[in-house]
Amino acid sequence: MLRLVCASANPDKVAEVRAILGGVVDLLPRPPDVPAVVEDAATLEGNARLKAAAIVAATGQPAVADDTGLEVGALDGAPGVFSARYAGEGVTYADNRARLLAELVDAEDRRARFRTVALVRWPDGSEVVAEGACDGTITTVERGARGFGYDAVFVPDDGDGRTFAEMTDDEKHALSHRGRAFRALVTALGRP
């Protein structure tokens, strides 16, 4: 089984990645002594690369990283690469959702797309990159108590009208951008 060090320090994201890759990849935890990586790249792929490269440099082992952005049409693609810190540095998921809903309060177009770029980097610098996307709509109010991030305000087109936060983990992983990205990554790595 392929062993990869997870670059993410976000426990919610790590749990999702572990659930999606379970049985295919042995996901090792990010070492606690590795400092936070400044995610200042202009693209999701660039940020994923920064995180993976930092873990490879710190551990000498192959690493897996991802970056996710919510792209809202009415906001010209924002928050995009700034999704995790949309309401500022050190904010909560609720702060980000509140800012998003406030900015869309009068918007007729509530179309959005979640995009995840997943990346594996080896110590020799070689990489495998995969992307997953999920189109949907931003709700007018939060719905559901599961998930994290923007899950309570995002209704995927491929679903049944529920937000990600109203779905079970398995239902969400089957439709989500992160599920699609990591399943594509497993395929690109030549794993079953």
Protein backbone atom coordinates (compact mmCIF):
# COMPACT_ATOMS: atom_id res chain seq x y z
CA MET A 1 0.00 0.00 0.00
CA LEU A 2 1.27 3.47 -0.89
CA ARG A 3 2.28 5.49 2.21
CA LEU A 4 1.85 9.26 2.05
CA VAL A 5 2.26 11.95 4.68
CA CYS A 6 -0.78 14.20 4.80
CA ALA A 7 0.21 17.85 4.43
CA SER A 8 -2.99 19.28 5.88
CA ALA A 9 -3.18 20.47 9.46
CA ASN A 10 -6.98 20.91 9.19
CA PRO A 11 -8.49 17.98 11.15
CA ASP A 12 -11.80 18.19 9.25
CA LYS A 13 -10.05 17.94 5.89
CA VAL A 14 -7.75 15.16 7.11
CA ALA A 15 -10.77 13.11 8.22
CA GLU A 16 -12.37 13.50 4.78
CA VAL A 17 -9.19 12.60 2.91
CA ARG A 18 -8.67 9.56 5.15
CA ALA A 19 -12.27 8.42 4.52
CA ILE A 20 -11.92 8.85 0.76
CA LEU A 21 -8.50 7.17 0.49
CA GLY A 22 -9.14 4.47 3.09
CA GLY A 23 -7.94 1.06 1.97
CA VAL A 24 -5.96 2.49 -0.95
CA VAL A 25 -3.40 4.78 0.71
CA ASP A 26 -1.80 4.55 4.15
CA LEU A 27 -2.19 8.19 5.20
CA LEU A 28 0.38 9.24 7.79
CA PRO A 29 -0.34 12.30 9.95
CA ARG A 30 1.40 15.61 9.41
CA PRO A 31 4.28 15.88 11.90
CA PRO A 32 3.27 18.36 14.63
CA ASP A 33 6.65 20.11 14.55
CA VAL A 34 6.29 21.18 10.90
CA PRO A 35 5.42 24.90 10.86
CA ALA A 36 2.36 26.19 9.05
CA VAL A 37 2.90 26.82 5.36
CA VAL A 38 2.14 30.29 4.01
CA GLU A 39 -0.38 29.65 1.22
CA ASP A 40 0.44 32.63 -0.97
CA ALA A 41 0.29 31.03 -4.42
CA ALA A 42 -2.12 32.49 -6.95
CA THR A 43 -3.72 29.13 -7.73
CA LEU A 44 -5.12 26.11 -5.91
CA GLU A 45 -2.46 23.91 -7.51
CA GLY A 46 0.26 26.30 -6.38
CA ASN A 47 -0.92 26.20 -2.77
CA ALA A 48 -1.20 22.40 -2.81
CA ARG A 49 2.37 22.26 -4.16
CA LEU A 50 3.67 24.57 -1.43
CA LYS A 51 2.13 22.38 1.28
CA ALA A 52 3.32 19.08 -0.22
CA ALA A 53 6.84 20.39 -0.83
CA ALA A 54 7.12 21.58 2.78
CA ILE A 55 6.15 18.14 4.12
CA VAL A 56 8.54 16.34 1.77
CA ALA A 57 11.35 18.68 2.84
CA ALA A 58 10.57 18.11 6.53
CA THR A 59 10.11 14.33 6.40
CA GLY A 60 11.94 13.03 3.34
CA GLN A 61 8.79 11.04 2.53
CA PRO A 62 6.20 11.43 -0.24
CA ALA A 63 3.37 13.76 0.71
CA VAL A 64 -0.18 14.43 -0.36
CA ALA A 65 -1.75 17.88 -0.22
CA ASP A 66 -4.78 19.62 -1.58
CA ASP A 67 -6.27 23.06 -1.82
CA THR A 68 -9.92 23.87 -2.31
CA GLY A 69 -11.71 26.97 -3.45
CA LEU A 70 -15.35 27.98 -3.69
CA GLU A 71 -15.89 30.03 -6.85
CA VAL A 72 -19.09 32.07 -6.91
CA GLY A 73 -20.26 33.49 -10.25
CA ALA A 74 -21.89 36.61 -8.82
CA LEU A 75 -18.63 37.42 -7.02
CA ASP A 76 -16.45 37.03 -10.13
CA GLY A 77 -15.04 33.75 -8.85
CA ALA A 78 -14.43 34.85 -5.26
CA PRO A 79 -13.61 33.69 -2.68
CA GLY A 80 -11.58 31.20 -4.78
CA VAL A 81 -8.05 30.70 -3.52
CA PHE A 82 -8.94 32.81 -0.44
CA SER A 83 -11.88 30.59 0.63
CA ALA A 84 -10.37 29.53 3.97
CA ARG A 85 -9.69 33.14 4.97
CA TYR A 86 -12.48 34.95 3.14
CA ALA A 87 -13.61 36.87 6.23
CA GLY A 88 -10.00 37.50 7.33
CA GLU A 89 -7.10 35.72 9.01
CA GLY A 90 -7.88 33.44 11.95
CA VAL A 91 -11.62 33.35 11.28
CA THR A 92 -14.11 30.53 11.82
CA TYR A 93 -16.04 28.62 9.20
CA ALA A 94 -19.14 30.48 10.39
CA ASP A 95 -17.44 33.85 9.78
CA ASN A 96 -16.66 32.89 6.18
CA ARG A 97 -20.21 31.65 5.55
CA ALA A 98 -21.69 34.81 7.08
CA ARG A 99 -19.59 37.04 4.81
CA LEU A 100 -20.54 34.99 1.75
CA LEU A 101 -24.27 35.10 2.52
CA ALA A 102 -24.09 38.84 3.25
CA GLU A 103 -22.40 39.53 -0.08
CA LEU A 104 -25.02 37.47 -1.93
CA VAL A 105 -28.05 38.85 -0.08
CA ASP A 106 -29.44 40.60 -3.19
CA ALA A 107 -27.91 38.28 -5.80
CA GLU A 108 -30.20 36.54 -8.26
CA ASP A 109 -27.36 34.40 -9.61
CA ARG A 110 -26.29 32.09 -6.78
CA ARG A 111 -24.37 29.60 -8.96
CA ALA A 112 -21.08 28.35 -7.58
CA ARG A 113 -18.43 25.73 -8.09
CA PHE A 114 -16.23 23.98 -5.56
CA ARG A 115 -12.82 23.00 -6.95
CA THR A 116 -10.15 20.86 -5.31
CA VAL A 117 -6.66 20.21 -6.58
CA ALA A 118 -4.98 17.16 -5.01
CA LEU A 119 -1.26 16.64 -5.42
CA VAL A 120 1.27 13.97 -4.47
CA ARG A 121 4.92 14.98 -4.40
CA TRP A 122 7.87 12.61 -4.07
CA PRO A 123 11.28 13.46 -2.61
CA ASP A 124 12.77 13.55 -6.12
CA GLY A 125 10.40 16.42 -7.00
CA SER A 126 8.11 14.41 -9.27
CA GLU A 127 4.39 14.99 -8.85
CA VAL A 128 0.97 13.66 -9.73
CA VAL A 129 -1.86 16.21 -9.82
CA ALA A 130 -5.62 15.70 -10.09
CA GLU A 131 -8.61 18.00 -9.91
CA GLY A 132 -12.22 17.58 -8.90
CA ALA A 133 -15.11 20.01 -9.24
CA CYS A 134 -18.71 20.17 -8.10
CA ASP A 135 -21.21 22.68 -9.45
CA GLY A 136 -24.08 23.90 -7.35
CA THR A 137 -25.96 26.78 -5.78
CA ILE A 138 -25.45 28.89 -2.67
CA THR A 139 -28.44 28.86 -0.32
CA THR A 140 -29.93 31.98 1.27
CA VAL A 141 -29.61 30.52 4.79
CA GLU A 142 -27.45 27.85 6.38
CA ARG A 143 -28.90 24.34 6.41
CA GLY A 144 -27.54 21.27 8.14
CA ALA A 145 -25.15 20.56 10.98
CA ARG A 146 -22.64 18.19 9.38
CA GLY A 147 -19.49 18.88 7.42
CA PHE A 148 -17.38 22.02 7.64
CA GLY A 149 -16.38 25.10 5.70
CA TYR A 150 -19.11 26.17 3.28
CA ASP A 151 -20.99 22.83 3.42
CA ALA A 152 -24.08 24.37 5.10
CA VAL A 153 -24.64 26.83 2.24
CA PHE A 154 -23.77 24.70 -0.83
CA VAL A 155 -26.34 22.55 -2.67
CA PRO A 156 -24.67 20.34 -5.31
CA ASP A 157 -26.40 20.05 -8.68
CA ASP A 158 -25.96 16.26 -8.64
CA GLY A 159 -27.74 15.89 -5.31
CA ASP A 160 -31.36 15.90 -4.20
CA GLY A 161 -31.65 19.50 -2.97
CA ARG A 162 -29.83 19.05 0.33
CA THR A 163 -26.69 20.96 1.27
CA PHE A 164 -23.49 19.02 1.90
CA ALA A 165 -24.08 19.68 5.62
CA GLU A 166 -27.40 17.80 5.42
CA MET A 167 -25.81 14.67 3.88
CA THR A 168 -24.07 11.72 5.45
CA ASP A 169 -20.31 11.58 4.95
CA ASP A 170 -20.65 8.85 2.31
CA GLU A 171 -23.30 10.82 0.39
CA LYS A 172 -21.13 13.92 0.43
CA HIS A 173 -17.94 12.09 -0.60
CA ALA A 174 -19.74 10.54 -3.57
CA LEU A 175 -20.61 13.99 -4.98
CA SER A 176 -18.03 16.38 -3.60
CA HIS A 177 -15.14 18.15 -5.27
CA ARG A 178 -12.72 16.62 -2.74
CA GLY A 179 -14.09 13.12 -3.30
CA ARG A 180 -13.77 13.55 -7.07
CA ALA A 181 -10.25 15.01 -6.83
CA PHE A 182 -8.91 12.26 -4.60
CA ARG A 183 -10.56 9.46 -6.58
CA ALA A 184 -8.97 10.97 -9.73
CA LEU A 185 -5.65 11.12 -7.89
CA VAL A 186 -5.89 7.43 -6.94
CA THR A 187 -6.54 6.60 -10.61
CA ALA A 188 -3.62 8.78 -11.75
CA LEU A 189 -1.39 6.95 -9.25
CA GLY A 190 -2.41 3.65 -10.87
CA ARG A 191 -4.17 2.37 -7.75
CA PRO A 192 -7.40 0.34 -7.92
